[in-house]
Amino acid sequence: MHKITTNKKGLSFITLMIIIALCALVLRFAIEQIVRSNIARNESNALPVLRLIAASLENYARDNHGAYPTSLALLTQAQPAYLDKDYTSQPPFKGYVFGCSRLEVDGYACSASAVQCNVAGKKEYTISTGGLLVIEDCNKKEQ
């Protein structure tokens, strides 16, 4: 009779490689889920902050005969303050950068952009005079 011998070192190496491959697969899905969760959380924070900025601008205009402020500093320095802080001069807030491309007496346009598209957020939000909100996919902005 012939005795079948197995190479235990070869078998343990293959087993180790299978375990490593399975761990890598599990990690890939776990990291993907964490990124999705972070994106959802960041987007759910960005929109209310942008709406807060717009509401503050609208309230200021209502109190000042229809004239919008020319800087967000006017909103934070007023007594009482219309806005708790100037989000446009702050570092990124929960994955989003806020900015106002137009702050004039007759209107405004402010936006919230993901710091890194598809990592911090997937949407770009723009709100303008009267609270008109536009939501775009950040991939379209980068093209």
Protein backbone atom coordinates (compact mmCIF):
# COMPACT_ATOMS: atom_id res chain seq x y z
CA MET A 1 0.00 0.00 0.00
CA HIS A 2 1.07 3.49 -0.77
CA LYS A 3 0.85 5.98 1.95
CA ILE A 4 -0.34 9.45 0.95
CA THR A 5 1.70 12.17 2.57
CA THR A 6 0.60 15.73 2.85
CA ASN A 7 2.78 18.73 3.14
CA LYS A 8 1.60 20.33 6.38
CA LYS A 9 3.54 23.52 5.71
CA GLY A 10 1.91 23.92 2.30
CA LEU A 11 -1.54 23.25 3.70
CA SER A 12 -1.11 25.72 6.56
CA PHE A 13 0.11 28.40 4.11
CA ILE A 14 -2.97 27.93 1.90
CA THR A 15 -5.22 28.03 4.97
CA LEU A 16 -3.54 31.22 6.13
CA MET A 17 -4.00 32.83 2.71
CA ILE A 18 -7.70 31.91 2.68
CA ILE A 19 -8.17 33.40 6.14
CA ILE A 20 -6.38 36.60 5.11
CA ALA A 21 -8.51 36.88 1.96
CA LEU A 22 -11.72 36.42 3.97
CA CYS A 23 -10.61 39.03 6.52
CA ALA A 24 -9.82 41.49 3.71
CA LEU A 25 -13.25 40.91 2.19
CA VAL A 26 -15.01 41.48 5.51
CA LEU A 27 -12.93 44.62 6.15
CA ARG A 28 -13.77 45.98 2.69
CA PHE A 29 -17.50 45.73 3.36
CA ALA A 30 -17.15 47.11 6.88
CA ILE A 31 -15.17 50.15 5.69
CA GLU A 32 -17.66 50.73 2.86
CA GLN A 33 -20.51 50.73 5.37
CA ILE A 34 -18.64 53.14 7.67
CA VAL A 35 -18.05 55.55 4.76
CA ARG A 36 -21.74 55.38 3.77
CA SER A 37 -22.75 56.07 7.36
CA ASN A 38 -20.40 59.07 7.58
CA ILE A 39 -21.70 60.47 4.29
CA ALA A 40 -25.31 60.18 5.47
CA ARG A 41 -24.47 61.84 8.79
CA ASN A 42 -22.52 64.67 7.14
CA GLU A 43 -25.30 65.34 4.63
CA SER A 44 -27.92 65.33 7.37
CA ASN A 45 -25.90 68.02 9.19
CA ALA A 46 -25.05 70.19 6.16
CA LEU A 47 -28.57 70.90 4.97
CA PRO A 48 -29.93 72.20 8.30
CA VAL A 49 -26.89 74.48 8.74
CA LEU A 50 -27.39 75.90 5.25
CA ARG A 51 -31.09 76.41 5.97
CA LEU A 52 -30.14 78.13 9.25
CA ILE A 53 -27.89 80.54 7.33
CA ALA A 54 -30.70 81.25 4.85
CA ALA A 55 -33.27 81.77 7.64
CA SER A 56 -30.88 84.19 9.35
CA LEU A 57 -30.41 86.13 6.12
CA GLU A 58 -34.17 86.24 5.51
CA ASN A 59 -34.87 87.39 9.10
CA TYR A 60 -32.24 90.12 8.82
CA ALA A 61 -33.82 91.35 5.58
CA ARG A 62 -37.28 91.30 7.14
CA ASP A 63 -36.03 93.43 10.03
CA ASN A 64 -34.11 95.81 7.73
CA HIS A 65 -36.75 96.79 5.17
CA GLY A 66 -35.85 94.05 2.67
CA ALA A 67 -32.10 94.74 2.66
CA TYR A 68 -29.93 91.64 3.04
CA PRO A 69 -26.59 91.87 4.88
CA THR A 70 -23.43 92.19 2.83
CA SER A 71 -21.50 89.92 5.20
CA LEU A 72 -22.37 87.17 7.66
CA ALA A 73 -20.49 89.13 10.32
CA LEU A 74 -23.49 91.47 10.46
CA LEU A 75 -25.62 88.47 11.45
CA THR A 76 -23.31 87.34 14.24
CA GLN A 77 -22.61 90.82 15.64
CA ALA A 78 -26.22 92.02 15.77
CA GLN A 79 -27.98 92.25 19.13
CA PRO A 80 -29.58 89.78 19.40
CA ALA A 81 -27.53 87.73 16.95
CA TYR A 82 -29.29 86.26 13.94
CA LEU A 83 -26.64 83.55 13.62
CA ASP A 84 -24.50 81.92 16.33
CA LYS A 85 -21.30 81.89 14.23
CA ASP A 86 -20.04 82.64 10.73
CA TYR A 87 -19.97 79.16 9.19
CA THR A 88 -18.28 80.48 6.04
CA SER A 89 -15.14 81.51 7.91
CA GLN A 90 -14.90 78.28 9.90
CA PRO A 91 -12.91 75.17 8.99
CA PRO A 92 -14.98 72.37 7.42
CA PHE A 93 -17.98 71.50 9.58
CA LYS A 94 -18.74 67.77 9.65
CA GLY A 95 -17.37 67.13 6.17
CA TYR A 96 -18.79 70.24 4.50
CA VAL A 97 -17.44 73.69 3.67
CA PHE A 98 -19.92 76.56 3.67
CA GLY A 99 -19.62 79.65 1.54
CA CYS A 100 -21.64 82.52 0.15
CA SER A 101 -20.76 83.42 -3.42
CA ARG A 102 -23.20 86.32 -3.33
CA LEU A 103 -24.07 88.52 -0.34
CA GLU A 104 -25.63 91.72 -1.61
CA VAL A 105 -28.31 94.10 -0.39
CA ASP A 106 -30.77 92.64 -2.91
CA GLY A 107 -30.06 88.93 -2.35
CA TYR A 108 -27.74 86.06 -1.56
CA ALA A 109 -26.49 82.67 -2.74
CA CYS A 110 -24.85 80.33 -0.24
CA SER A 111 -23.68 76.76 -0.61
CA ALA A 112 -22.46 73.71 1.27
CA SER A 113 -19.89 71.57 -0.55
CA ALA A 114 -18.44 68.24 0.53
CA VAL A 115 -14.77 68.52 1.45
CA GLN A 116 -14.09 65.38 -0.58
CA CYS A 117 -16.75 64.12 -2.97
CA ASN A 118 -17.98 60.57 -2.23
CA VAL A 119 -15.98 60.46 1.01
CA ALA A 120 -17.40 63.32 3.10
CA GLY A 121 -20.62 63.69 1.13
CA LYS A 122 -22.27 63.05 -2.22
CA LYS A 123 -24.38 66.20 -2.51
CA GLU A 124 -23.76 69.89 -2.99
CA TYR A 125 -26.42 72.22 -1.64
CA THR A 126 -27.04 75.78 -2.82
CA ILE A 127 -29.65 78.09 -1.33
CA SER A 128 -30.49 81.51 -2.69
CA THR A 129 -32.74 84.49 -2.04
CA GLY A 130 -36.18 83.44 -0.84
CA GLY A 131 -34.92 80.07 0.39
CA LEU A 132 -34.70 78.47 -3.08
CA LEU A 133 -32.76 75.23 -2.55
CA VAL A 134 -30.87 73.38 -5.27
CA ILE A 135 -29.34 69.95 -4.57
CA GLU A 136 -26.76 68.55 -7.01
CA ASP A 137 -24.58 65.48 -7.09
CA CYS A 138 -21.01 66.56 -6.29
CA ASN A 139 -19.68 64.32 -9.10
CA LYS A 140 -21.36 66.60 -11.65
CA LYS A 141 -19.60 69.63 -10.15
CA GLU A 142 -16.16 68.04 -10.50
CA GLN A 143 -16.50 67.21 -14.21
